[in-house]
Amino acid sequence: MAAVNDTKFSHAVFILTGIPGHENVHLWISALFCFMYLISIVGNSVILFIIKTDPTLHEPMYIFLSMLAITDLGLSISTIPTTLGTFLFNSTEIGLDACFAQLFFIHSFSYIESSVLLLMAFDRFIAICNPLRYASILTLPRIGRMGLVFLVRSVSLQLPFPFLLKRFQFCGTNILTHSYCLHQEVMKMACSDIKVNNIYGLSITLLGVVLDSVLIFLSYIMILKTVLSVASHLESLRALNTCISHLCAVLLFYIPEIGLTVLHRFGNSSSEFLQTLLGYAYLMIPPLLNPIVYSVKSKHLRERIIRVFFK
């Protein structure tokens, strides 16, 4: 019996799906996805290039923005092979090891993005609530250490996922509802008790995404309190205007992320289509729109992008 189980495990594959019930328009959807990936990669790469080559942008806010751009690039690259393979070439099978590796990178980059958004909230908090000490608090070495700590935190917390999944036997049809692998969905395909994975996944979600979102919320309460205490109405609007880009990035990331987590853990079969839509929004919309939002809202960044392309 053990030999049979090992054979089932070693030959098991996962079946990726595009958008169930809409297979007849997969070619058009693939064209849309190709365009979105292209804009995401080009947009984030341009922001990284501009920030790296322009010394006047070597400030904390733009350094955090470059971290966000790197994370968005990682998210896009993690899903490109299987998503475009599924929609363009109908390549729907993925092996266990490849699936486990993909979900590790997807969840790691998602966790890192949550951490970067928290750092960006801290940057706005210091800039508005304690502007006189802004330069002394957010020094380049300190920013580097904070980024390294959050990187180690993200990778170390996500690293157990592939090993926890490796213990399971996968002996069913293993049809996923996305064109990529997510831990919440893959663990449900196991022919084993998934209690440990469920508890661990929920715990690190609470310690990571939920905790980060709560801290971001608290930082904006303090920002609002400080801004409302400013006598000048114009100065209050100017201070809040510097936070709009970050608020957009927070909403673009956390709304699909939290919604997808809740649906995967507590949803029923009737919510599969919503899971699919939220899954694609969660991984494709932030990398697509973040560079656009920051380029539009940041005058300095916008001017330098225009100068590069229209010399």
C-alpha atoms as a PDB file:
ATOM      1  CA  MET A   1       0.000   0.000   0.000  1.00  0.00           C
ATOM      2  CA  ALA A   2       2.842   2.418   0.801  1.00  0.00           C
ATOM      3  CA  ALA A   3       4.414   1.705  -2.596  1.00  0.00           C
ATOM      4  CA  VAL A   4       1.115   2.424  -4.322  1.00  0.00           C
ATOM      5  CA  ASN A   5       0.713   5.686  -2.428  1.00  0.00           C
ATOM      6  CA  ASP A   6       4.276   6.747  -3.305  1.00  0.00           C
ATOM      7  CA  THR A   7       3.592   5.967  -6.969  1.00  0.00           C
ATOM      8  CA  LYS A   8       0.447   8.085  -6.921  1.00  0.00           C
ATOM      9  CA  PHE A   9       2.346  10.889  -5.279  1.00  0.00           C
ATOM     10  CA  SER A  10       5.343  10.834  -7.611  1.00  0.00           C
ATOM     11  CA  HIS A  11       3.179  10.791 -10.767  1.00  0.00           C
ATOM     12  CA  ALA A  12       0.576  13.252  -9.528  1.00  0.00           C
ATOM     13  CA  VAL A  13       0.105  16.502 -11.408  1.00  0.00           C
ATOM     14  CA  PHE A  14      -2.097  19.505 -10.914  1.00  0.00           C
ATOM     15  CA  ILE A  15      -4.457  20.661 -13.632  1.00  0.00           C
ATOM     16  CA  LEU A  16      -4.449  24.416 -14.137  1.00  0.00           C
ATOM     17  CA  THR A  17      -7.550  26.151 -15.412  1.00  0.00           C
ATOM     18  CA  GLY A  18      -8.153  29.525 -16.980  1.00  0.00           C
ATOM     19  CA  ILE A  19     -11.603  30.943 -16.376  1.00  0.00           C
ATOM     20  CA  PRO A  20     -14.050  28.024 -16.146  1.00  0.00           C
ATOM     21  CA  GLY A  21     -17.002  28.350 -18.490  1.00  0.00           C
ATOM     22  CA  HIS A  22     -15.250  30.922 -20.693  1.00  0.00           C
ATOM     23  CA  GLU A  23     -12.843  28.676 -22.602  1.00  0.00           C
ATOM     24  CA  ASN A  24     -14.114  30.027 -25.940  1.00  0.00           C
ATOM     25  CA  VAL A  25     -12.640  33.467 -25.187  1.00  0.00           C
ATOM     26  CA  HIS A  26      -9.347  32.282 -23.690  1.00  0.00           C
ATOM     27  CA  LEU A  27      -7.435  33.576 -26.718  1.00  0.00           C
ATOM     28  CA  TRP A  28      -8.804  37.087 -26.220  1.00  0.00           C
ATOM     29  CA  ILE A  29      -8.161  36.894 -22.485  1.00  0.00           C
ATOM     30  CA  SER A  30      -4.580  35.800 -23.192  1.00  0.00           C
ATOM     31  CA  ALA A  31      -4.094  38.878 -25.378  1.00  0.00           C
ATOM     32  CA  LEU A  32      -5.365  41.047 -22.512  1.00  0.00           C
ATOM     33  CA  PHE A  33      -3.084  39.296 -20.030  1.00  0.00           C
ATOM     34  CA  CYS A  34      -0.080  39.681 -22.341  1.00  0.00           C
ATOM     35  CA  PHE A  35      -0.771  43.406 -22.542  1.00  0.00           C
ATOM     36  CA  MET A  36      -1.144  43.668 -18.749  1.00  0.00           C
ATOM     37  CA  TYR A  37       2.089  41.751 -18.132  1.00  0.00           C
ATOM     38  CA  LEU A  38       3.925  43.899 -20.672  1.00  0.00           C
ATOM     39  CA  ILE A  39       2.729  47.131 -19.063  1.00  0.00           C
ATOM     40  CA  SER A  40       3.572  45.788 -15.583  1.00  0.00           C
ATOM     41  CA  ILE A  41       7.103  44.740 -16.477  1.00  0.00           C
ATOM     42  CA  VAL A  42       7.905  47.832 -18.551  1.00  0.00           C
ATOM     43  CA  GLY A  43       6.317  50.232 -16.031  1.00  0.00           C
ATOM     44  CA  ASN A  44       8.107  48.825 -12.985  1.00  0.00           C
ATOM     45  CA  SER A  45      11.389  48.496 -14.879  1.00  0.00           C
ATOM     46  CA  VAL A  46      11.210  52.129 -15.971  1.00  0.00           C
ATOM     47  CA  ILE A  47      10.592  53.272 -12.395  1.00  0.00           C
ATOM     48  CA  LEU A  48      13.585  51.239 -11.187  1.00  0.00           C
ATOM     49  CA  PHE A  49      15.780  52.671 -13.960  1.00  0.00           C
ATOM     50  CA  ILE A  50      14.734  56.266 -13.262  1.00  0.00           C
ATOM     51  CA  ILE A  51      15.275  55.973  -9.503  1.00  0.00           C
ATOM     52  CA  LYS A  52      18.647  54.249  -9.909  1.00  0.00           C
ATOM     53  CA  THR A  53      20.068  56.690 -12.455  1.00  0.00           C
ATOM     54  CA  ASP A  54      18.777  59.934 -10.936  1.00  0.00           C
ATOM     55  CA  PRO A  55      20.629  60.892  -7.712  1.00  0.00           C
ATOM     56  CA  THR A  56      17.928  63.431  -6.796  1.00  0.00           C
ATOM     57  CA  LEU A  57      15.499  60.529  -6.322  1.00  0.00           C
ATOM     58  CA  HIS A  58      17.697  58.690  -3.821  1.00  0.00           C
ATOM     59  CA  GLU A  59      15.329  59.632  -1.032  1.00  0.00           C
ATOM     60  CA  PRO A  60      13.460  57.294   1.366  1.00  0.00           C
ATOM     61  CA  MET A  61      10.105  57.607  -0.419  1.00  0.00           C
ATOM     62  CA  TYR A  62      11.576  56.657  -3.793  1.00  0.00           C
ATOM     63  CA  ILE A  63      13.757  53.908  -2.331  1.00  0.00           C
ATOM     64  CA  PHE A  64      10.619  52.325  -0.856  1.00  0.00           C
ATOM     65  CA  LEU A  65       8.941  52.769  -4.242  1.00  0.00           C
ATOM     66  CA  SER A  66      11.827  50.915  -5.906  1.00  0.00           C
ATOM     67  CA  MET A  67      11.334  48.074  -3.393  1.00  0.00           C
ATOM     68  CA  LEU A  68       7.656  47.971  -4.354  1.00  0.00           C
ATOM     69  CA  ALA A  69       8.565  47.881  -8.052  1.00  0.00           C
ATOM     70  CA  ILE A  70      10.982  44.957  -7.524  1.00  0.00           C
ATOM     71  CA  THR A  71       8.288  43.067  -5.604  1.00  0.00           C
ATOM     72  CA  ASP A  72       5.700  43.717  -8.323  1.00  0.00           C
ATOM     73  CA  LEU A  73       8.143  42.450 -10.943  1.00  0.00           C
ATOM     74  CA  GLY A  74       8.649  39.295  -8.894  1.00  0.00           C
ATOM     75  CA  LEU A  75       4.881  38.745  -8.618  1.00  0.00           C
ATOM     76  CA  SER A  76       4.412  39.157 -12.361  1.00  0.00           C
ATOM     77  CA  ILE A  77       7.307  36.887 -13.319  1.00  0.00           C
ATOM     78  CA  SER A  78       6.125  34.195 -10.877  1.00  0.00           C
ATOM     79  CA  THR A  79       2.809  33.793 -12.691  1.00  0.00           C
ATOM     80  CA  ILE A  80       3.703  34.510 -16.324  1.00  0.00           C
ATOM     81  CA  PRO A  81       4.820  30.976 -17.399  1.00  0.00           C
ATOM     82  CA  THR A  82       1.750  29.069 -16.221  1.00  0.00           C
ATOM     83  CA  THR A  83      -0.836  31.788 -16.909  1.00  0.00           C
ATOM     84  CA  LEU A  84       0.208  32.424 -20.506  1.00  0.00           C
ATOM     85  CA  GLY A  85       0.863  28.705 -21.015  1.00  0.00           C
ATOM     86  CA  THR A  86      -2.699  27.915 -19.926  1.00  0.00           C
ATOM     87  CA  PHE A  87      -4.430  30.620 -21.953  1.00  0.00           C
ATOM     88  CA  LEU A  88      -2.223  30.642 -25.072  1.00  0.00           C
ATOM     89  CA  PHE A  89      -1.139  27.026 -25.495  1.00  0.00           C
ATOM     90  CA  ASN A  90      -3.643  25.122 -23.345  1.00  0.00           C
ATOM     91  CA  SER A  91      -0.718  23.742 -21.328  1.00  0.00           C
ATOM     92  CA  THR A  92      -2.632  22.871 -18.189  1.00  0.00           C
ATOM     93  CA  GLU A  93      -0.466  20.305 -16.380  1.00  0.00           C
ATOM     94  CA  ILE A  94       2.115  21.241 -13.762  1.00  0.00           C
ATOM     95  CA  GLY A  95       4.194  18.856 -11.674  1.00  0.00           C
ATOM     96  CA  LEU A  96       4.217  18.847  -7.908  1.00  0.00           C
ATOM     97  CA  ASP A  97       7.694  20.320  -7.458  1.00  0.00           C
ATOM     98  CA  ALA A  98       7.065  23.091  -9.990  1.00  0.00           C
ATOM     99  CA  CYS A  99       3.727  23.875  -8.341  1.00  0.00           C
ATOM    100  CA  PHE A 100       5.259  23.978  -4.857  1.00  0.00           C
ATOM    101  CA  ALA A 101       8.064  26.244  -6.087  1.00  0.00           C
ATOM    102  CA  GLN A 102       5.601  28.594  -7.772  1.00  0.00           C
ATOM    103  CA  LEU A 103       3.350  28.939  -4.737  1.00  0.00           C
ATOM    104  CA  PHE A 104       6.418  29.603  -2.565  1.00  0.00           C
ATOM    105  CA  PHE A 105       7.487  32.523  -4.774  1.00  0.00           C
ATOM    106  CA  ILE A 106       3.952  33.891  -5.167  1.00  0.00           C
ATOM    107  CA  HIS A 107       3.278  33.886  -1.428  1.00  0.00           C
ATOM    108  CA  SER A 108       6.766  35.197  -0.618  1.00  0.00           C
ATOM    109  CA  PHE A 109       6.447  38.169  -2.969  1.00  0.00           C
ATOM    110  CA  SER A 110       2.916  38.845  -1.680  1.00  0.00           C
ATOM    111  CA  TYR A 111       4.218  38.838   1.879  1.00  0.00           C
ATOM    112  CA  ILE A 112       7.107  41.127   0.880  1.00  0.00           C
ATOM    113  CA  GLU A 113       4.684  43.528  -0.821  1.00  0.00           C
ATOM    114  CA  SER A 114       2.644  43.736   2.363  1.00  0.00           C
ATOM    115  CA  SER A 115       5.843  44.536   4.280  1.00  0.00           C
ATOM    116  CA  VAL A 116       6.897  47.206   1.772  1.00  0.00           C
ATOM    117  CA  LEU A 117       3.477  48.862   2.000  1.00  0.00           C
ATOM    118  CA  LEU A 118       3.915  48.955   5.776  1.00  0.00           C
ATOM    119  CA  LEU A 119       7.355  50.574   5.377  1.00  0.00           C
ATOM    120  CA  MET A 120       5.864  53.133   3.003  1.00  0.00           C
ATOM    121  CA  ALA A 121       3.161  53.915   5.578  1.00  0.00           C
ATOM    122  CA  PHE A 122       5.908  54.411   8.172  1.00  0.00           C
ATOM    123  CA  ASP A 123       7.673  56.745   5.737  1.00  0.00           C
ATOM    124  CA  ARG A 124       4.522  58.872   5.338  1.00  0.00           C
ATOM    125  CA  PHE A 125       3.949  58.828   9.103  1.00  0.00           C
ATOM    126  CA  ILE A 126       7.434  60.171   9.837  1.00  0.00           C
ATOM    127  CA  ALA A 127       7.298  62.720   6.999  1.00  0.00           C
ATOM    128  CA  ILE A 128       4.020  64.220   8.238  1.00  0.00           C
ATOM    129  CA  CYS A 129       4.078  63.672  12.002  1.00  0.00           C
ATOM    130  CA  ASN A 130       7.784  64.268  12.646  1.00  0.00           C
ATOM    131  CA  PRO A 131       9.211  66.081   9.607  1.00  0.00           C
ATOM    132  CA  LEU A 132      12.161  67.647  11.447  1.00  0.00           C
ATOM    133  CA  ARG A 133      13.613  64.206  12.231  1.00  0.00           C
ATOM    134  CA  TYR A 134      12.689  62.622   8.899  1.00  0.00           C
ATOM    135  CA  ALA A 135      16.209  62.608   7.460  1.00  0.00           C
ATOM    136  CA  SER A 136      17.809  61.434  10.720  1.00  0.00           C
ATOM    137  CA  ILE A 137      15.329  58.566  11.236  1.00  0.00           C
ATOM    138  CA  LEU A 138      15.102  57.222   7.671  1.00  0.00           C
ATOM    139  CA  THR A 139      18.778  56.993   6.798  1.00  0.00           C
ATOM    140  CA  LEU A 140      19.904  54.759   3.939  1.00  0.00           C
ATOM    141  CA  PRO A 141      21.568  52.137   6.200  1.00  0.00           C
ATOM    142  CA  ARG A 142      18.458  51.966   8.379  1.00  0.00           C
ATOM    143  CA  ILE A 143      16.211  51.573   5.329  1.00  0.00           C
ATOM    144  CA  GLY A 144      18.456  48.768   4.092  1.00  0.00           C
ATOM    145  CA  ARG A 145      18.272  46.973   7.446  1.00  0.00           C
ATOM    146  CA  MET A 146      14.491  47.302   7.599  1.00  0.00           C
ATOM    147  CA  GLY A 147      14.162  45.933   4.085  1.00  0.00           C
ATOM    148  CA  LEU A 148      16.460  43.017   4.908  1.00  0.00           C
ATOM    149  CA  VAL A 149      14.514  42.168   8.077  1.00  0.00           C
ATOM    150  CA  PHE A 150      11.207  42.071   6.221  1.00  0.00           C
ATOM    151  CA  LEU A 151      12.744  40.048   3.388  1.00  0.00           C
ATOM    152  CA  VAL A 152      14.056  37.440   5.830  1.00  0.00           C
ATOM    153  CA  ARG A 153      10.710  37.428   7.638  1.00  0.00           C
ATOM    154  CA  SER A 154       8.783  36.806   4.427  1.00  0.00           C
ATOM    155  CA  VAL A 155      11.025  34.063   3.058  1.00  0.00           C
ATOM    156  CA  SER A 156      11.435  32.237   6.378  1.00  0.00           C
ATOM    157  CA  LEU A 157       7.680  32.165   7.045  1.00  0.00           C
ATOM    158  CA  GLN A 158       6.833  30.939   3.530  1.00  0.00           C
ATOM    159  CA  LEU A 159       9.646  28.377   3.293  1.00  0.00           C
ATOM    160  CA  PRO A 160       7.811  25.644   5.288  1.00  0.00           C
ATOM    161  CA  PHE A 161       4.906  25.554   2.796  1.00  0.00           C
ATOM    162  CA  PRO A 162       6.577  23.341   0.131  1.00  0.00           C
ATOM    163  CA  PHE A 163       7.868  20.938   2.807  1.00  0.00           C
ATOM    164  CA  LEU A 164       4.502  20.743   4.546  1.00  0.00           C
ATOM    165  CA  LEU A 165       2.822  19.965   1.212  1.00  0.00           C
ATOM    166  CA  LYS A 166       5.511  17.434   0.343  1.00  0.00           C
ATOM    167  CA  ARG A 167       4.247  15.196   3.162  1.00  0.00           C
ATOM    168  CA  PHE A 168       0.837  14.752   1.545  1.00  0.00           C
ATOM    169  CA  GLN A 169      -0.496  12.212  -0.905  1.00  0.00           C
ATOM    170  CA  PHE A 170      -2.244  13.699  -3.941  1.00  0.00           C
ATOM    171  CA  CYS A 171      -4.364  10.987  -5.484  1.00  0.00           C
ATOM    172  CA  GLY A 172      -7.357  12.789  -7.018  1.00  0.00           C
ATOM    173  CA  THR A 173      -7.918  14.788 -10.189  1.00  0.00           C
ATOM    174  CA  ASN A 174      -6.264  17.855  -8.562  1.00  0.00           C
ATOM    175  CA  ILE A 175      -8.030  20.466 -10.693  1.00  0.00           C
ATOM    176  CA  LEU A 176      -7.151  23.998  -9.566  1.00  0.00           C
ATOM    177  CA  THR A 177      -9.358  27.019 -10.148  1.00  0.00           C
ATOM    178  CA  HIS A 178      -6.494  29.263 -11.334  1.00  0.00           C
ATOM    179  CA  SER A 179      -3.709  29.108 -13.891  1.00  0.00           C
ATOM    180  CA  TYR A 180      -1.144  29.119 -11.069  1.00  0.00           C
ATOM    181  CA  CYS A 181      -0.666  27.445  -7.691  1.00  0.00           C
ATOM    182  CA  LEU A 182      -1.734  28.892  -4.333  1.00  0.00           C
ATOM    183  CA  HIS A 183      -1.197  27.145  -1.009  1.00  0.00           C
ATOM    184  CA  GLN A 184      -4.796  27.632   0.167  1.00  0.00           C
ATOM    185  CA  GLU A 185      -6.056  25.696  -2.836  1.00  0.00           C
ATOM    186  CA  VAL A 186      -3.303  23.104  -3.291  1.00  0.00           C
ATOM    187  CA  MET A 187      -3.571  21.840   0.289  1.00  0.00           C
ATOM    188  CA  LYS A 188      -7.275  21.087  -0.247  1.00  0.00           C
ATOM    189  CA  MET A 189      -6.313  18.606  -2.975  1.00  0.00           C
ATOM    190  CA  ALA A 190      -4.403  16.391  -0.525  1.00  0.00           C
ATOM    191  CA  CYS A 191      -5.741  12.970   0.475  1.00  0.00           C
ATOM    192  CA  SER A 192      -4.489  13.630   4.008  1.00  0.00           C
ATOM    193  CA  ASP A 193      -5.257  15.623   7.108  1.00  0.00           C
ATOM    194  CA  ILE A 194      -4.476  19.285   6.319  1.00  0.00           C
ATOM    195  CA  LYS A 195      -5.074  20.648   9.818  1.00  0.00           C
ATOM    196  CA  VAL A 196      -1.410  21.628  10.351  1.00  0.00           C
ATOM    197  CA  ASN A 197      -1.228  23.470   7.016  1.00  0.00           C
ATOM    198  CA  ASN A 198      -4.517  25.196   7.682  1.00  0.00           C
ATOM    199  CA  ILE A 199      -3.477  26.410  11.127  1.00  0.00           C
ATOM    200  CA  TYR A 200      -0.002  27.476   9.984  1.00  0.00           C
ATOM    201  CA  GLY A 201      -1.318  29.276   6.902  1.00  0.00           C
ATOM    202  CA  LEU A 202      -3.945  31.116   8.917  1.00  0.00           C
ATOM    203  CA  SER A 203      -1.378  32.011  11.609  1.00  0.00           C
ATOM    204  CA  ILE A 204       1.137  33.596   9.252  1.00  0.00           C
ATOM    205  CA  THR A 205      -1.697  35.416   7.460  1.00  0.00           C
ATOM    206  CA  LEU A 206      -2.704  36.949  10.788  1.00  0.00           C
ATOM    207  CA  LEU A 207       0.938  37.703  11.691  1.00  0.00           C
ATOM    208  CA  GLY A 208       1.714  39.116   8.282  1.00  0.00           C
ATOM    209  CA  VAL A 209      -0.976  40.555   6.042  1.00  0.00           C
ATOM    210  CA  VAL A 210      -3.544  41.244   8.773  1.00  0.00           C
ATOM    211  CA  LEU A 211      -1.001  42.698  11.223  1.00  0.00           C
ATOM    212  CA  ASP A 212       0.561  44.856   8.494  1.00  0.00           C
ATOM    213  CA  SER A 213      -2.842  46.171   7.426  1.00  0.00           C
ATOM    214  CA  VAL A 214      -3.753  47.014  11.040  1.00  0.00           C
ATOM    215  CA  LEU A 215      -0.461  48.888  11.532  1.00  0.00           C
ATOM    216  CA  ILE A 216      -1.011  50.769   8.263  1.00  0.00           C
ATOM    217  CA  PHE A 217      -4.504  51.703   9.443  1.00  0.00           C
ATOM    218  CA  LEU A 218      -3.133  52.941  12.785  1.00  0.00           C
ATOM    219  CA  SER A 219      -0.439  54.977  11.050  1.00  0.00           C
ATOM    220  CA  TYR A 220      -3.086  56.764   8.973  1.00  0.00           C
ATOM    221  CA  ILE A 221      -5.126  57.498  12.080  1.00  0.00           C
ATOM    222  CA  MET A 222      -2.048  59.240  13.501  1.00  0.00           C
ATOM    223  CA  ILE A 223      -1.484  61.026  10.184  1.00  0.00           C
ATOM    224  CA  LEU A 224      -5.084  62.275  10.110  1.00  0.00           C
ATOM    225  CA  LYS A 225      -4.813  63.405  13.714  1.00  0.00           C
ATOM    226  CA  THR A 226      -1.672  65.385  12.902  1.00  0.00           C
ATOM    227  CA  VAL A 227      -3.059  66.845   9.671  1.00  0.00           C
ATOM    228  CA  LEU A 228      -6.336  67.927  11.238  1.00  0.00           C
ATOM    229  CA  SER A 229      -4.416  69.771  13.932  1.00  0.00           C
ATOM    230  CA  VAL A 230      -2.725  71.943  11.301  1.00  0.00           C
ATOM    231  CA  ALA A 231      -4.341  75.368  11.206  1.00  0.00           C
ATOM    232  CA  SER A 232      -4.042  75.913   7.459  1.00  0.00           C
ATOM    233  CA  HIS A 233      -6.567  74.046   5.322  1.00  0.00           C
ATOM    234  CA  LEU A 234      -4.226  74.249   2.319  1.00  0.00           C
ATOM    235  CA  GLU A 235      -1.339  72.685   4.245  1.00  0.00           C
ATOM    236  CA  SER A 236      -3.608  69.853   5.372  1.00  0.00           C
ATOM    237  CA  LEU A 237      -4.570  69.079   1.779  1.00  0.00           C
ATOM    238  CA  ARG A 238      -0.937  69.191   0.675  1.00  0.00           C
ATOM    239  CA  ALA A 239       0.045  66.730   3.399  1.00  0.00           C
ATOM    240  CA  LEU A 240      -2.776  64.330   2.564  1.00  0.00           C
ATOM    241  CA  ASN A 241      -2.003  64.592  -1.148  1.00  0.00           C
ATOM    242  CA  THR A 242       1.383  62.969  -0.536  1.00  0.00           C
ATOM    243  CA  CYS A 243      -0.434  59.879   0.799  1.00  0.00           C
ATOM    244  CA  ILE A 244      -2.869  59.313  -2.083  1.00  0.00           C
ATOM    245  CA  SER A 245      -0.516  57.122  -4.126  1.00  0.00           C
ATOM    246  CA  HIS A 246       0.259  54.929  -1.143  1.00  0.00           C
ATOM    247  CA  LEU A 247      -3.415  54.635  -0.195  1.00  0.00           C
ATOM    248  CA  CYS A 248      -4.231  53.503  -3.738  1.00  0.00           C
ATOM    249  CA  ALA A 249      -1.468  50.876  -3.578  1.00  0.00           C
ATOM    250  CA  VAL A 250      -2.770  49.649  -0.196  1.00  0.00           C
ATOM    251  CA  LEU A 251      -6.352  49.290  -1.451  1.00  0.00           C
ATOM    252  CA  LEU A 252      -5.262  47.610  -4.694  1.00  0.00           C
ATOM    253  CA  PHE A 253      -3.315  45.005  -2.733  1.00  0.00           C
ATOM    254  CA  TYR A 254      -5.298  44.325   0.429  1.00  0.00           C
ATOM    255  CA  ILE A 255      -8.880  44.201  -0.868  1.00  0.00           C
ATOM    256  CA  PRO A 256      -8.303  41.265  -3.300  1.00  0.00           C
ATOM    257  CA  GLU A 257      -5.788  39.618  -0.926  1.00  0.00           C
ATOM    258  CA  ILE A 258      -8.091  39.526   2.096  1.00  0.00           C
ATOM    259  CA  GLY A 259     -11.130  38.670  -0.028  1.00  0.00           C
ATOM    260  CA  LEU A 260      -9.324  35.755  -1.679  1.00  0.00           C
ATOM    261  CA  THR A 261      -8.062  34.428   1.657  1.00  0.00           C
ATOM    262  CA  VAL A 262     -11.548  34.527   3.171  1.00  0.00           C
ATOM    263  CA  LEU A 263     -13.142  32.829   0.148  1.00  0.00           C
ATOM    264  CA  HIS A 264     -10.517  30.069   0.021  1.00  0.00           C
ATOM    265  CA  ARG A 265     -10.918  29.249   3.688  1.00  0.00           C
ATOM    266  CA  PHE A 266     -14.617  29.858   4.286  1.00  0.00           C
ATOM    267  CA  GLY A 267     -16.236  30.048   0.842  1.00  0.00           C
ATOM    268  CA  ASN A 268     -18.336  27.359  -0.833  1.00  0.00           C
ATOM    269  CA  SER A 269     -18.499  25.953  -4.342  1.00  0.00           C
ATOM    270  CA  SER A 270     -20.805  28.767  -5.505  1.00  0.00           C
ATOM    271  CA  SER A 271     -18.003  31.293  -4.963  1.00  0.00           C
ATOM    272  CA  GLU A 272     -15.474  29.624  -7.321  1.00  0.00           C
ATOM    273  CA  PHE A 273     -15.960  32.192 -10.099  1.00  0.00           C
ATOM    274  CA  LEU A 274     -15.449  35.031  -7.618  1.00  0.00           C
ATOM    275  CA  GLN A 275     -12.331  33.253  -6.320  1.00  0.00           C
ATOM    276  CA  THR A 276     -10.993  33.097  -9.859  1.00  0.00           C
ATOM    277  CA  LEU A 277     -11.591  36.797 -10.532  1.00  0.00           C
ATOM    278  CA  LEU A 278     -10.112  37.862  -7.180  1.00  0.00           C
ATOM    279  CA  GLY A 279      -7.139  35.570  -7.774  1.00  0.00           C
ATOM    280  CA  TYR A 280      -6.232  37.287 -11.031  1.00  0.00           C
ATOM    281  CA  ALA A 281      -6.946  40.749  -9.613  1.00  0.00           C
ATOM    282  CA  TYR A 282      -4.775  40.044  -6.554  1.00  0.00           C
ATOM    283  CA  LEU A 283      -1.717  39.106  -8.619  1.00  0.00           C
ATOM    284  CA  MET A 284      -2.091  41.230 -11.757  1.00  0.00           C
ATOM    285  CA  ILE A 285      -3.758  44.527 -10.837  1.00  0.00           C
ATOM    286  CA  PRO A 286      -1.211  45.884  -8.271  1.00  0.00           C
ATOM    287  CA  PRO A 287       1.855  45.358 -10.528  1.00  0.00           C
ATOM    288  CA  LEU A 288      -0.091  46.918 -13.405  1.00  0.00           C
ATOM    289  CA  LEU A 289      -1.491  49.999 -11.662  1.00  0.00           C
ATOM    290  CA  ASN A 290       1.143  50.825  -9.020  1.00  0.00           C
ATOM    291  CA  PRO A 291       3.685  52.310 -11.478  1.00  0.00           C
ATOM    292  CA  ILE A 292       0.895  54.198 -13.261  1.00  0.00           C
ATOM    293  CA  VAL A 293      -0.494  55.677 -10.028  1.00  0.00           C
ATOM    294  CA  TYR A 294       2.929  56.749  -8.736  1.00  0.00           C
ATOM    295  CA  SER A 295       3.985  58.159 -12.100  1.00  0.00           C
ATOM    296  CA  VAL A 296       0.818  60.257 -12.300  1.00  0.00           C
ATOM    297  CA  LYS A 297       0.870  61.477  -8.695  1.00  0.00           C
ATOM    298  CA  SER A 298       4.606  62.108  -8.274  1.00  0.00           C
ATOM    299  CA  LYS A 299       5.587  65.267 -10.116  1.00  0.00           C
ATOM    300  CA  HIS A 300       9.347  64.632  -9.819  1.00  0.00           C
ATOM    301  CA  LEU A 301       9.073  61.060 -11.070  1.00  0.00           C
ATOM    302  CA  ARG A 302       6.736  62.058 -13.902  1.00  0.00           C
ATOM    303  CA  GLU A 303       9.070  64.818 -15.091  1.00  0.00           C
ATOM    304  CA  ARG A 304      12.049  62.481 -15.182  1.00  0.00           C
ATOM    305  CA  ILE A 305      10.145  59.774 -17.060  1.00  0.00           C
ATOM    306  CA  ILE A 306       9.045  62.353 -19.639  1.00  0.00           C
ATOM    307  CA  ARG A 307      12.636  63.636 -19.898  1.00  0.00           C
ATOM    308  CA  VAL A 308      13.944  60.108 -20.578  1.00  0.00           C
ATOM    309  CA  PHE A 309      11.420  59.275 -23.298  1.00  0.00           C
ATOM    310  CA  PHE A 310      11.134  62.714 -24.906  1.00  0.00           C
ATOM    311  CA  LYS A 311      14.616  64.160 -24.812  1.00  0.00           C
END
